[in-house]
Amino acid sequence: MPYGIYERTKQCRENLSKAQKERNIRLGPTLHQNWRGGKISCNGYVAIYKPQHPFCDGKGYVFEHRLIMEQKIGRYLLEEERVHHINKNKKDNQIVNLMLFPNESEHQKHHHRIKK
């Protein structure tokens, strides 16, 4: 018995992994030394930690401009809907600076009209 009584079976590892995930959800990331309140910058946009959101990324973040638009219209945005920043400042997420488009095509048409 090279590993003795400390040998971990596959089931044991899975149980430990599941327990750790549950602990992280319960306690949140606030235990981490680099936690900055749940806001990060991602490709110039502000992202907020919302692991329970149906469209969060793999790390539990959602773009702030999408959250603000969802709050205004009272529902989750569809995956194909796009939020446009009127003043082109990706960090300015005031509701007066945001426009909602039904899809990427309509969003690009708007950009094309602006250039003319």
PDB file of N, CA and C in Angstrom:
ATOM      1  N   MET A   1       0.841  -1.189   0.000  1.00  0.00           N
ATOM      2  CA  MET A   1       0.000   0.000   0.000  1.00  0.00           C
ATOM      3  C   MET A   1       0.883   1.249   0.000  1.00  0.00           C
ATOM      4  N   PRO A   2       1.238   1.759  -1.165  1.00  0.00           N
ATOM      5  CA  PRO A   2       2.130   2.907  -1.201  1.00  0.00           C
ATOM      6  C   PRO A   2       1.506   4.179  -0.628  1.00  0.00           C
ATOM      7  N   TYR A   3       0.202   4.322  -0.709  1.00  0.00           N
ATOM      8  CA  TYR A   3      -0.428   5.544  -0.232  1.00  0.00           C
ATOM      9  C   TYR A   3      -1.051   5.385   1.149  1.00  0.00           C
ATOM     10  N   GLY A   4      -1.114   4.208   1.657  1.00  0.00           N
ATOM     11  CA  GLY A   4      -1.654   3.965   2.989  1.00  0.00           C
ATOM     12  C   GLY A   4      -3.108   4.374   3.105  1.00  0.00           C
ATOM     13  N   ILE A   5      -3.474   4.789   4.299  1.00  0.00           N
ATOM     14  CA  ILE A   5      -4.875   5.143   4.556  1.00  0.00           C
ATOM     15  C   ILE A   5      -5.236   6.497   3.954  1.00  0.00           C
ATOM     16  N   TYR A   6      -4.261   7.218   3.462  1.00  0.00           N
ATOM     17  CA  TYR A   6      -4.528   8.551   2.929  1.00  0.00           C
ATOM     18  C   TYR A   6      -4.842   8.554   1.429  1.00  0.00           C
ATOM     19  N   GLU A   7      -4.876   7.365   0.842  1.00  0.00           N
ATOM     20  CA  GLU A   7      -5.182   7.283  -0.577  1.00  0.00           C
ATOM     21  C   GLU A   7      -6.600   7.785  -0.830  1.00  0.00           C
ATOM     22  N   ARG A   8      -6.749   8.712  -1.785  1.00  0.00           N
ATOM     23  CA  ARG A   8      -8.060   9.277  -2.095  1.00  0.00           C
ATOM     24  C   ARG A   8      -8.630   8.617  -3.329  1.00  0.00           C
ATOM     25  N   THR A   9      -9.822   8.187  -3.204  1.00  0.00           N
ATOM     26  CA  THR A   9     -10.497   7.596  -4.348  1.00  0.00           C
ATOM     27  C   THR A   9     -11.098   8.704  -5.198  1.00  0.00           C
ATOM     28  N   LYS A  10     -11.557   8.340  -6.363  1.00  0.00           N
ATOM     29  CA  LYS A  10     -12.189   9.310  -7.250  1.00  0.00           C
ATOM     30  C   LYS A  10     -13.405   9.937  -6.573  1.00  0.00           C
ATOM     31  N   GLN A  11     -14.193   9.118  -5.894  1.00  0.00           N
ATOM     32  CA  GLN A  11     -15.390   9.617  -5.209  1.00  0.00           C
ATOM     33  C   GLN A  11     -15.021  10.614  -4.116  1.00  0.00           C
ATOM     34  N   CYS A  12     -13.965  10.336  -3.390  1.00  0.00           N
ATOM     35  CA  CYS A  12     -13.521  11.233  -2.331  1.00  0.00           C
ATOM     36  C   CYS A  12     -13.119  12.589  -2.907  1.00  0.00           C
ATOM     37  N   ARG A  13     -12.371  12.567  -4.024  1.00  0.00           N
ATOM     38  CA  ARG A  13     -11.954  13.821  -4.671  1.00  0.00           C
ATOM     39  C   ARG A  13     -13.166  14.618  -5.143  1.00  0.00           C
ATOM     40  N   GLU A  14     -14.146  13.926  -5.721  1.00  0.00           N
ATOM     41  CA  GLU A  14     -15.354  14.602  -6.184  1.00  0.00           C
ATOM     42  C   GLU A  14     -16.116  15.226  -5.019  1.00  0.00           C
ATOM     43  N   ASN A  15     -16.188  14.516  -3.899  1.00  0.00           N
ATOM     44  CA  ASN A  15     -16.871  15.056  -2.719  1.00  0.00           C
ATOM     45  C   ASN A  15     -16.158  16.296  -2.197  1.00  0.00           C
ATOM     46  N   LEU A  16     -14.841  16.252  -2.162  1.00  0.00           N
ATOM     47  CA  LEU A  16     -14.074  17.404  -1.698  1.00  0.00           C
ATOM     48  C   LEU A  16     -14.276  18.594  -2.627  1.00  0.00           C
ATOM     49  N   SER A  17     -14.261  18.349  -3.947  1.00  0.00           N
ATOM     50  CA  SER A  17     -14.453  19.405  -4.924  1.00  0.00           C
ATOM     51  C   SER A  17     -15.838  20.036  -4.769  1.00  0.00           C
ATOM     52  N   LYS A  18     -16.857  19.192  -4.603  1.00  0.00           N
ATOM     53  CA  LYS A  18     -18.228  19.682  -4.435  1.00  0.00           C
ATOM     54  C   LYS A  18     -18.349  20.511  -3.157  1.00  0.00           C
ATOM     55  N   ALA A  19     -17.748  20.040  -2.075  1.00  0.00           N
ATOM     56  CA  ALA A  19     -17.799  20.770  -0.808  1.00  0.00           C
ATOM     57  C   ALA A  19     -17.099  22.124  -0.923  1.00  0.00           C
ATOM     58  N   GLN A  20     -15.974  22.160  -1.642  1.00  0.00           N
ATOM     59  CA  GLN A  20     -15.249  23.418  -1.804  1.00  0.00           C
ATOM     60  C   GLN A  20     -16.063  24.410  -2.636  1.00  0.00           C
ATOM     61  N   LYS A  21     -16.720  23.936  -3.701  1.00  0.00           N
ATOM     62  CA  LYS A  21     -17.555  24.815  -4.524  1.00  0.00           C
ATOM     63  C   LYS A  21     -18.708  25.387  -3.709  1.00  0.00           C
ATOM     64  N   GLU A  22     -19.348  24.540  -2.895  1.00  0.00           N
ATOM     65  CA  GLU A  22     -20.452  25.004  -2.055  1.00  0.00           C
ATOM     66  C   GLU A  22     -19.968  26.036  -1.045  1.00  0.00           C
ATOM     67  N   ARG A  23     -18.789  25.810  -0.490  1.00  0.00           N
ATOM     68  CA  ARG A  23     -18.215  26.760   0.467  1.00  0.00           C
ATOM     69  C   ARG A  23     -17.931  28.092  -0.202  1.00  0.00           C
ATOM     70  N   ASN A  24     -17.376  28.057  -1.419  1.00  0.00           N
ATOM     71  CA  ASN A  24     -17.069  29.286  -2.133  1.00  0.00           C
ATOM     72  C   ASN A  24     -18.325  30.071  -2.464  1.00  0.00           C
ATOM     73  N   ILE A  25     -19.397  29.388  -2.833  1.00  0.00           N
ATOM     74  CA  ILE A  25     -20.653  30.065  -3.129  1.00  0.00           C
ATOM     75  C   ILE A  25     -21.225  30.675  -1.857  1.00  0.00           C
ATOM     76  N   ARG A  26     -21.174  29.914  -0.758  1.00  0.00           N
ATOM     77  CA  ARG A  26     -21.727  30.386   0.510  1.00  0.00           C
ATOM     78  C   ARG A  26     -20.956  31.582   1.053  1.00  0.00           C
ATOM     79  N   LEU A  27     -19.636  31.506   1.056  1.00  0.00           N
ATOM     80  CA  LEU A  27     -18.822  32.564   1.646  1.00  0.00           C
ATOM     81  C   LEU A  27     -18.474  33.652   0.648  1.00  0.00           C
ATOM     82  N   GLY A  28     -18.524  33.332  -0.623  1.00  0.00           N
ATOM     83  CA  GLY A  28     -18.173  34.304  -1.648  1.00  0.00           C
ATOM     84  C   GLY A  28     -16.682  34.503  -1.738  1.00  0.00           C
ATOM     85  N   PRO A  29     -16.265  35.321  -2.676  1.00  0.00           N
ATOM     86  CA  PRO A  29     -14.836  35.545  -2.890  1.00  0.00           C
ATOM     87  C   PRO A  29     -14.241  36.552  -1.918  1.00  0.00           C
ATOM     88  N   THR A  30     -15.018  37.029  -0.951  1.00  0.00           N
ATOM     89  CA  THR A  30     -14.517  38.054  -0.043  1.00  0.00           C
ATOM     90  C   THR A  30     -13.375  37.554   0.824  1.00  0.00           C
ATOM     91  N   LEU A  31     -13.170  36.246   0.868  1.00  0.00           N
ATOM     92  CA  LEU A  31     -12.076  35.715   1.662  1.00  0.00           C
ATOM     93  C   LEU A  31     -10.726  35.882   0.960  1.00  0.00           C
ATOM     94  N   HIS A  32     -10.745  36.117  -0.337  1.00  0.00           N
ATOM     95  CA  HIS A  32      -9.492  36.216  -1.078  1.00  0.00           C
ATOM     96  C   HIS A  32      -8.826  37.566  -0.831  1.00  0.00           C
ATOM     97  N   GLN A  33      -7.518  37.554  -0.684  1.00  0.00           N
ATOM     98  CA  GLN A  33      -6.770  38.764  -0.355  1.00  0.00           C
ATOM     99  C   GLN A  33      -6.835  39.829  -1.447  1.00  0.00           C
ATOM    100  N   ASN A  34      -7.092  39.441  -2.701  1.00  0.00           N
ATOM    101  CA  ASN A  34      -7.153  40.406  -3.793  1.00  0.00           C
ATOM    102  C   ASN A  34      -8.573  40.852  -4.138  1.00  0.00           C
ATOM    103  N   TRP A  35      -9.548  40.483  -3.331  1.00  0.00           N
ATOM    104  CA  TRP A  35     -10.943  40.855  -3.593  1.00  0.00           C
ATOM    105  C   TRP A  35     -11.088  42.365  -3.557  1.00  0.00           C
ATOM    106  N   ARG A  36     -11.677  42.937  -4.595  1.00  0.00           N
ATOM    107  CA  ARG A  36     -11.820  44.387  -4.716  1.00  0.00           C
ATOM    108  C   ARG A  36     -13.282  44.819  -4.781  1.00  0.00           C
ATOM    109  N   GLY A  37     -14.155  44.056  -4.171  1.00  0.00           N
ATOM    110  CA  GLY A  37     -15.551  44.448  -4.104  1.00  0.00           C
ATOM    111  C   GLY A  37     -16.426  43.946  -5.233  1.00  0.00           C
ATOM    112  N   GLY A  38     -15.915  43.092  -6.079  1.00  0.00           N
ATOM    113  CA  GLY A  38     -16.734  42.489  -7.108  1.00  0.00           C
ATOM    114  C   GLY A  38     -16.764  43.222  -8.424  1.00  0.00           C
ATOM    115  N   LYS A  39     -15.939  44.254  -8.615  1.00  0.00           N
ATOM    116  CA  LYS A  39     -15.867  44.962  -9.892  1.00  0.00           C
ATOM    117  C   LYS A  39     -14.495  44.751 -10.503  1.00  0.00           C
ATOM    118  N   ILE A  40     -14.499  44.415 -11.792  1.00  0.00           N
ATOM    119  CA  ILE A  40     -13.235  44.283 -12.512  1.00  0.00           C
ATOM    120  C   ILE A  40     -13.380  44.966 -13.867  1.00  0.00           C
ATOM    121  N   SER A  41     -12.255  45.209 -14.504  1.00  0.00           N
ATOM    122  CA  SER A  41     -12.248  45.746 -15.852  1.00  0.00           C
ATOM    123  C   SER A  41     -11.961  44.600 -16.808  1.00  0.00           C
ATOM    124  N   CYS A  42     -12.782  44.490 -17.840  1.00  0.00           N
ATOM    125  CA  CYS A  42     -12.642  43.389 -18.806  1.00  0.00           C
ATOM    126  C   CYS A  42     -12.810  43.961 -20.213  1.00  0.00           C
ATOM    127  N   ASN A  43     -11.734  44.025 -20.965  1.00  0.00           N
ATOM    128  CA  ASN A  43     -11.743  44.592 -22.326  1.00  0.00           C
ATOM    129  C   ASN A  43     -12.288  46.019 -22.342  1.00  0.00           C
ATOM    130  N   GLY A  44     -12.016  46.780 -21.306  1.00  0.00           N
ATOM    131  CA  GLY A  44     -12.463  48.167 -21.229  1.00  0.00           C
ATOM    132  C   GLY A  44     -13.831  48.346 -20.605  1.00  0.00           C
ATOM    133  N   TYR A  45     -14.582  47.274 -20.429  1.00  0.00           N
ATOM    134  CA  TYR A  45     -15.903  47.334 -19.812  1.00  0.00           C
ATOM    135  C   TYR A  45     -15.792  47.013 -18.327  1.00  0.00           C
ATOM    136  N   VAL A  46     -16.774  47.467 -17.551  1.00  0.00           N
ATOM    137  CA  VAL A  46     -16.835  47.129 -16.132  1.00  0.00           C
ATOM    138  C   VAL A  46     -17.673  45.863 -15.988  1.00  0.00           C
ATOM    139  N   ALA A  47     -17.141  44.890 -15.263  1.00  0.00           N
ATOM    140  CA  ALA A  47     -17.871  43.649 -15.000  1.00  0.00           C
ATOM    141  C   ALA A  47     -18.087  43.519 -13.500  1.00  0.00           C
ATOM    142  N   ILE A  48     -19.231  42.993 -13.115  1.00  0.00           N
ATOM    143  CA  ILE A  48     -19.605  42.860 -11.711  1.00  0.00           C
ATOM    144  C   ILE A  48     -19.824  41.389 -11.386  1.00  0.00           C
ATOM    145  N   TYR A  49     -19.393  40.993 -10.203  1.00  0.00           N
ATOM    146  CA  TYR A  49     -19.519  39.604  -9.764  1.00  0.00           C
ATOM    147  C   TYR A  49     -20.963  39.304  -9.402  1.00  0.00           C
ATOM    148  N   LYS A  50     -21.611  38.481 -10.213  1.00  0.00           N
ATOM    149  CA  LYS A  50     -23.002  38.036  -9.996  1.00  0.00           C
ATOM    150  C   LYS A  50     -23.090  36.566 -10.408  1.00  0.00           C
ATOM    151  N   PRO A  51     -22.569  35.652  -9.581  1.00  0.00           N
ATOM    152  CA  PRO A  51     -22.524  34.245  -9.990  1.00  0.00           C
ATOM    153  C   PRO A  51     -23.896  33.602 -10.176  1.00  0.00           C
ATOM    154  N   GLN A  52     -24.951  34.173  -9.619  1.00  0.00           N
ATOM    155  CA  GLN A  52     -26.286  33.603  -9.761  1.00  0.00           C
ATOM    156  C   GLN A  52     -26.995  34.085 -11.026  1.00  0.00           C
ATOM    157  N   HIS A  53     -26.398  35.038 -11.757  1.00  0.00           N
ATOM    158  CA  HIS A  53     -27.004  35.565 -12.984  1.00  0.00           C
ATOM    159  C   HIS A  53     -26.968  34.488 -14.077  1.00  0.00           C
ATOM    160  N   PRO A  54     -28.063  34.319 -14.829  1.00  0.00           N
ATOM    161  CA  PRO A  54     -28.087  33.245 -15.831  1.00  0.00           C
ATOM    162  C   PRO A  54     -27.091  33.430 -16.973  1.00  0.00           C
ATOM    163  N   PHE A  55     -26.611  34.638 -17.212  1.00  0.00           N
ATOM    164  CA  PHE A  55     -25.670  34.865 -18.309  1.00  0.00           C
ATOM    165  C   PHE A  55     -24.291  35.290 -17.828  1.00  0.00           C
ATOM    166  N   CYS A  56     -23.914  34.888 -16.619  1.00  0.00           N
ATOM    167  CA  CYS A  56     -22.577  35.230 -16.127  1.00  0.00           C
ATOM    168  C   CYS A  56     -21.543  34.385 -16.864  1.00  0.00           C
ATOM    169  N   ASP A  57     -20.301  34.888 -16.859  1.00  0.00           N
ATOM    170  CA  ASP A  57     -19.245  34.105 -17.512  1.00  0.00           C
ATOM    171  C   ASP A  57     -18.786  32.993 -16.569  1.00  0.00           C
ATOM    172  N   GLY A  58     -17.772  32.275 -16.956  1.00  0.00           N
ATOM    173  CA  GLY A  58     -17.296  31.139 -16.171  1.00  0.00           C
ATOM    174  C   GLY A  58     -16.787  31.502 -14.790  1.00  0.00           C
ATOM    175  N   LYS A  59     -16.400  32.770 -14.603  1.00  0.00           N
ATOM    176  CA  LYS A  59     -15.907  33.213 -13.300  1.00  0.00           C
ATOM    177  C   LYS A  59     -16.988  33.907 -12.477  1.00  0.00           C
ATOM    178  N   GLY A  60     -18.189  34.038 -13.038  1.00  0.00           N
ATOM    179  CA  GLY A  60     -19.310  34.615 -12.297  1.00  0.00           C
ATOM    180  C   GLY A  60     -19.519  36.099 -12.529  1.00  0.00           C
ATOM    181  N   TYR A  61     -18.940  36.676 -13.583  1.00  0.00           N
ATOM    182  CA  TYR A  61     -19.046  38.111 -13.838  1.00  0.00           C
ATOM    183  C   TYR A  61     -20.009  38.410 -14.979  1.00  0.00           C
ATOM    184  N   VAL A  62     -20.686  39.567 -14.864  1.00  0.00           N
ATOM    185  CA  VAL A  62     -21.600  40.064 -15.887  1.00  0.00           C
ATOM    186  C   VAL A  62     -21.233  41.520 -16.137  1.00  0.00           C
ATOM    187  N   PHE A  63     -21.316  41.958 -17.408  1.00  0.00           N
ATOM    188  CA  PHE A  63     -21.018  43.352 -17.710  1.00  0.00           C
ATOM    189  C   PHE A  63     -22.034  44.266 -17.042  1.00  0.00           C
ATOM    190  N   GLU A  64     -21.525  45.343 -16.432  1.00  0.00           N
ATOM    191  CA  GLU A  64     -22.371  46.270 -15.687  1.00  0.00           C
ATOM    192  C   GLU A  64     -23.414  46.934 -16.581  1.00  0.00           C
ATOM    193  N   HIS A  65     -23.060  47.299 -17.809  1.00  0.00           N
ATOM    194  CA  HIS A  65     -24.024  47.976 -18.685  1.00  0.00           C
ATOM    195  C   HIS A  65     -25.217  47.070 -18.999  1.00  0.00           C
ATOM    196  N   ARG A  66     -24.982  45.776 -19.073  1.00  0.00           N
ATOM    197  CA  ARG A  66     -26.096  44.849 -19.307  1.00  0.00           C
ATOM    198  C   ARG A  66     -26.990  44.762 -18.058  1.00  0.00           C
ATOM    199  N   LEU A  67     -26.381  44.750 -16.875  1.00  0.00           N
ATOM    200  CA  LEU A  67     -27.163  44.713 -15.633  1.00  0.00           C
ATOM    201  C   LEU A  67     -28.026  45.963 -15.487  1.00  0.00           C
ATOM    202  N   ILE A  68     -27.466  47.116 -15.828  1.00  0.00           N
ATOM    203  CA  ILE A  68     -28.211  48.381 -15.711  1.00  0.00           C
ATOM    204  C   ILE A  68     -29.381  48.394 -16.687  1.00  0.00           C
ATOM    205  N   MET A  69     -29.155  47.937 -17.910  1.00  0.00           N
ATOM    206  CA  MET A  69     -30.241  47.888 -18.900  1.00  0.00           C
ATOM    207  C   MET A  69     -31.321  46.890 -18.459  1.00  0.00           C
ATOM    208  N   GLU A  70     -30.913  45.757 -17.905  1.00  0.00           N
ATOM    209  CA  GLU A  70     -31.885  44.782 -17.408  1.00  0.00           C
ATOM    210  C   GLU A  70     -32.750  45.390 -16.302  1.00  0.00           C
ATOM    211  N   GLN A  71     -32.115  46.162 -15.440  1.00  0.00           N
ATOM    212  CA  GLN A  71     -32.863  46.797 -14.349  1.00  0.00           C
ATOM    213  C   GLN A  71     -33.874  47.789 -14.913  1.00  0.00           C
ATOM    214  N   LYS A  72     -33.481  48.531 -15.950  1.00  0.00           N
ATOM    215  CA  LYS A  72     -34.382  49.527 -16.538  1.00  0.00           C
ATOM    216  C   LYS A  72     -35.592  48.870 -17.203  1.00  0.00           C
ATOM    217  N   ILE A  73     -35.371  47.800 -17.972  1.00  0.00           N
ATOM    218  CA  ILE A  73     -36.486  47.201 -18.705  1.00  0.00           C
ATOM    219  C   ILE A  73     -37.225  46.128 -17.896  1.00  0.00           C
ATOM    220  N   GLY A  74     -36.660  45.732 -16.766  1.00  0.00           N
ATOM    221  CA  GLY A  74     -37.358  44.817 -15.868  1.00  0.00           C
ATOM    222  C   GLY A  74     -37.299  43.352 -16.247  1.00  0.00           C
ATOM    223  N   ARG A  75     -36.306  42.947 -17.025  1.00  0.00           N
ATOM    224  CA  ARG A  75     -36.152  41.533 -17.397  1.00  0.00           C
ATOM    225  C   ARG A  75     -34.690  41.303 -17.770  1.00  0.00           C
ATOM    226  N   TYR A  76     -34.324  40.008 -17.866  1.00  0.00           N
ATOM    227  CA  TYR A  76     -32.988  39.682 -18.352  1.00  0.00           C
ATOM    228  C   TYR A  76     -32.909  39.994 -19.839  1.00  0.00           C
ATOM    229  N   LEU A  77     -31.747  40.466 -20.275  1.00  0.00           N
ATOM    230  CA  LEU A  77     -31.527  40.672 -21.699  1.00  0.00           C
ATOM    231  C   LEU A  77     -31.366  39.315 -22.376  1.00  0.00           C
ATOM    232  N   LEU A  78     -31.789  39.245 -23.603  1.00  0.00           N
ATOM    233  CA  LEU A  78     -31.556  38.049 -24.398  1.00  0.00           C
ATOM    234  C   LEU A  78     -30.090  38.038 -24.831  1.00  0.00           C
ATOM    235  N   GLU A  79     -29.568  36.863 -25.127  1.00  0.00           N
ATOM    236  CA  GLU A  79     -28.154  36.760 -25.521  1.00  0.00           C
ATOM    237  C   GLU A  79     -27.835  37.600 -26.740  1.00  0.00           C
ATOM    238  N   GLU A  80     -28.776  37.693 -27.693  1.00  0.00           N
ATOM    239  CA  GLU A  80     -28.494  38.419 -28.924  1.00  0.00           C
ATOM    240  C   GLU A  80     -28.645  39.935 -28.796  1.00  0.00           C
ATOM    241  N   GLU A  81     -29.279  40.418 -27.738  1.00  0.00           N
ATOM    242  CA  GLU A  81     -29.458  41.859 -27.557  1.00  0.00           C
ATOM    243  C   GLU A  81     -28.120  42.518 -27.220  1.00  0.00           C
ATOM    244  N   ARG A  82     -27.933  43.739 -27.729  1.00  0.00           N
ATOM    245  CA  ARG A  82     -26.694  44.482 -27.527  1.00  0.00           C
ATOM    246  C   ARG A  82     -26.986  45.821 -26.871  1.00  0.00           C
ATOM    247  N   VAL A  83     -26.118  46.208 -25.952  1.00  0.00           N
ATOM    248  CA  VAL A  83     -26.222  47.510 -25.299  1.00  0.00           C
ATOM    249  C   VAL A  83     -25.115  48.388 -25.858  1.00  0.00           C
ATOM    250  N   HIS A  84     -25.498  49.578 -26.337  1.00  0.00           N
ATOM    251  CA  HIS A  84     -24.570  50.516 -26.974  1.00  0.00           C
ATOM    252  C   HIS A  84     -24.291  51.683 -26.036  1.00  0.00           C
ATOM    253  N   HIS A  85     -23.017  52.087 -25.949  1.00  0.00           N
ATOM    254  CA  HIS A  85     -22.628  53.273 -25.183  1.00  0.00           C
ATOM    255  C   HIS A  85     -22.644  54.476 -26.136  1.00  0.00           C
ATOM    256  N   ILE A  86     -23.539  55.409 -25.906  1.00  0.00           N
ATOM    257  CA  ILE A  86     -23.732  56.546 -26.808  1.00  0.00           C
ATOM    258  C   ILE A  86     -22.458  57.379 -26.939  1.00  0.00           C
ATOM    259  N   ASN A  87     -21.809  57.678 -25.819  1.00  0.00           N
ATOM    260  CA  ASN A  87     -20.606  58.520 -25.872  1.00  0.00           C
ATOM    261  C   ASN A  87     -19.328  57.712 -26.123  1.00  0.00           C
ATOM    262  N   LYS A  88     -19.452  56.439 -26.420  1.00  0.00           N
ATOM    263  CA  LYS A  88     -18.354  55.517 -26.750  1.00  0.00           C
ATOM    264  C   LYS A  88     -17.390  55.262 -25.590  1.00  0.00           C
ATOM    265  N   ASN A  89     -17.746  55.721 -24.381  1.00  0.00           N
ATOM    266  CA  ASN A  89     -16.947  55.448 -23.187  1.00  0.00           C
ATOM    267  C   ASN A  89     -17.498  54.183 -22.540  1.00  0.00           C
ATOM    268  N   LYS A  90     -16.755  53.086 -22.647  1.00  0.00           N
ATOM    269  CA  LYS A  90     -17.222  51.786 -22.163  1.00  0.00           C
ATOM    270  C   LYS A  90     -17.413  51.743 -20.655  1.00  0.00           C
ATOM    271  N   LYS A  91     -16.815  52.674 -19.929  1.00  0.00           N
ATOM    272  CA  LYS A  91     -16.948  52.673 -18.469  1.00  0.00           C
ATOM    273  C   LYS A  91     -18.060  53.589 -17.974  1.00  0.00           C
ATOM    274  N   ASP A  92     -18.655  54.373 -18.866  1.00  0.00           N
ATOM    275  CA  ASP A  92     -19.745  55.278 -18.500  1.00  0.00           C
ATOM    276  C   ASP A  92     -21.061  54.524 -18.637  1.00  0.00           C
ATOM    277  N   ASN A  93     -21.529  53.952 -17.549  1.00  0.00           N
ATOM    278  CA  ASN A  93     -22.711  53.102 -17.575  1.00  0.00           C
ATOM    279  C   ASN A  93     -23.956  53.774 -17.016  1.00  0.00           C
ATOM    280  N   GLN A  94     -24.040  55.094 -17.156  1.00  0.00           N
ATOM    281  CA  GLN A  94     -25.265  55.787 -16.772  1.00  0.00           C
ATOM    282  C   GLN A  94     -26.356  55.410 -17.771  1.00  0.00           C
ATOM    283  N   ILE A  95     -27.580  55.275 -17.299  1.00  0.00           N
ATOM    284  CA  ILE A  95     -28.669  54.817 -18.160  1.00  0.00           C
ATOM    285  C   ILE A  95     -28.898  55.769 -19.333  1.00  0.00           C
ATOM    286  N   VAL A  96     -28.631  57.069 -19.163  1.00  0.00           N
ATOM    287  CA  VAL A  96     -28.818  58.031 -20.258  1.00  0.00           C
ATOM    288  C   VAL A  96     -27.775  57.828 -21.355  1.00  0.00           C
ATOM    289  N   ASN A  97     -26.715  57.080 -21.061  1.00  0.00           N
ATOM    290  CA  ASN A  97     -25.661  56.824 -22.034  1.00  0.00           C
ATOM    291  C   ASN A  97     -25.811  55.464 -22.721  1.00  0.00           C
ATOM    292  N   LEU A  98     -26.882  54.745 -22.426  1.00  0.00           N
ATOM    293  CA  LEU A  98     -27.036  53.391 -22.962  1.00  0.00           C
ATOM    294  C   LEU A  98     -28.229  53.282 -23.905  1.00  0.00           C
ATOM    295  N   MET A  99     -28.050  52.537 -24.998  1.00  0.00           N
ATOM    296  CA  MET A  99     -29.123  52.233 -25.944  1.00  0.00           C
ATOM    297  C   MET A  99     -29.183  50.724 -26.125  1.00  0.00           C
ATOM    298  N   LEU A 100     -30.380  50.193 -26.264  1.00  0.00           N
ATOM    299  CA  LEU A 100     -30.549  48.759 -26.451  1.00  0.00           C
ATOM    300  C   LEU A 100     -30.909  48.459 -27.903  1.00  0.00           C
ATOM    301  N   PHE A 101     -30.192  47.485 -28.479  1.00  0.00           N
ATOM    302  CA  PHE A 101     -30.472  47.017 -29.835  1.00  0.00           C
ATOM    303  C   PHE A 101     -30.893  45.553 -29.765  1.00  0.00           C
ATOM    304  N   PRO A 102     -31.814  45.140 -30.656  1.00  0.00           N
ATOM    305  CA  PRO A 102     -32.312  43.761 -30.598  1.00  0.00           C
ATOM    306  C   PRO A 102     -31.280  42.710 -30.999  1.00  0.00           C
ATOM    307  N   ASN A 103     -30.269  43.138 -31.783  1.00  0.00           N
ATOM    308  CA  ASN A 103     -29.247  42.181 -32.212  1.00  0.00           C
ATOM    309  C   ASN A 103     -27.996  42.927 -32.689  1.00  0.00           C
ATOM    310  N   GLU A 104     -26.953  42.202 -32.988  1.00  0.00           N
ATOM    311  CA  GLU A 104     -25.688  42.794 -33.418  1.00  0.00           C
ATOM    312  C   GLU A 104     -25.829  43.500 -34.767  1.00  0.00           C
ATOM    313  N   SER A 105     -26.660  42.983 -35.643  1.00  0.00           N
ATOM    314  CA  SER A 105     -26.866  43.587 -36.955  1.00  0.00           C
ATOM    315  C   SER A 105     -27.399  45.021 -36.822  1.00  0.00           C
ATOM    316  N   GLU A 106     -28.427  45.198 -36.008  1.00  0.00           N
ATOM    317  CA  GLU A 106     -28.994  46.534 -35.797  1.00  0.00           C
ATOM    318  C   GLU A 106     -27.976  47.459 -35.137  1.00  0.00           C
ATOM    319  N   HIS A 107     -27.192  46.928 -34.238  1.00  0.00           N
ATOM    320  CA  HIS A 107     -26.151  47.706 -33.574  1.00  0.00           C
ATOM    321  C   HIS A 107     -25.127  48.199 -34.598  1.00  0.00           C
ATOM    322  N   GLN A 108     -24.703  47.328 -35.508  1.00  0.00           N
ATOM    323  CA  GLN A 108     -23.725  47.714 -36.526  1.00  0.00           C
ATOM    324  C   GLN A 108     -24.315  48.715 -37.526  1.00  0.00           C
ATOM    325  N   LYS A 109     -25.587  48.574 -37.847  1.00  0.00           N
ATOM    326  CA  LYS A 109     -26.248  49.549 -38.728  1.00  0.00           C
ATOM    327  C   LYS A 109     -26.214  50.934 -38.100  1.00  0.00           C
ATOM    328  N   HIS A 110     -26.423  50.989 -36.787  1.00  0.00           N
ATOM    329  CA  HIS A 110     -26.371  52.263 -36.071  1.00  0.00           C
ATOM    330  C   HIS A 110     -24.971  52.867 -36.188  1.00  0.00           C
ATOM    331  N   HIS A 111     -23.939  52.073 -36.003  1.00  0.00           N
ATOM    332  CA  HIS A 111     -22.566  52.563 -36.126  1.00  0.00           C
ATOM    333  C   HIS A 111     -22.298  53.075 -37.542  1.00  0.00           C
ATOM    334  N   HIS A 112     -22.832  52.371 -38.546  1.00  0.00           N
ATOM    335  CA  HIS A 112     -22.637  52.781 -39.930  1.00  0.00           C
ATOM    336  C   HIS A 112     -23.315  54.132 -40.205  1.00  0.00           C
ATOM    337  N   ARG A 113     -24.520  54.326 -39.660  1.00  0.00           N
ATOM    338  CA  ARG A 113     -25.230  55.606 -39.823  1.00  0.00           C
ATOM    339  C   ARG A 113     -24.470  56.737 -39.155  1.00  0.00           C
ATOM    340  N   ILE A 114     -23.858  56.470 -38.012  1.00  0.00           N
ATOM    341  CA  ILE A 114     -23.104  57.506 -37.286  1.00  0.00           C
ATOM    342  C   ILE A 114     -21.903  57.970 -38.117  1.00  0.00           C
ATOM    343  N   LYS A 115     -21.222  57.018 -38.784  1.00  0.00           N
ATOM    344  CA  LYS A 115     -20.040  57.365 -39.580  1.00  0.00           C
ATOM    345  C   LYS A 115     -20.367  58.261 -40.754  1.00  0.00           C
ATOM    346  N   LYS A 116     -21.572  58.129 -41.320  1.00  0.00           N
ATOM    347  CA  LYS A 116     -21.989  58.967 -42.463  1.00  0.00           C
ATOM    348  C   LYS A 116     -22.332  60.310 -41.942  1.00  0.00           C
TER     349      LYS A 116
END
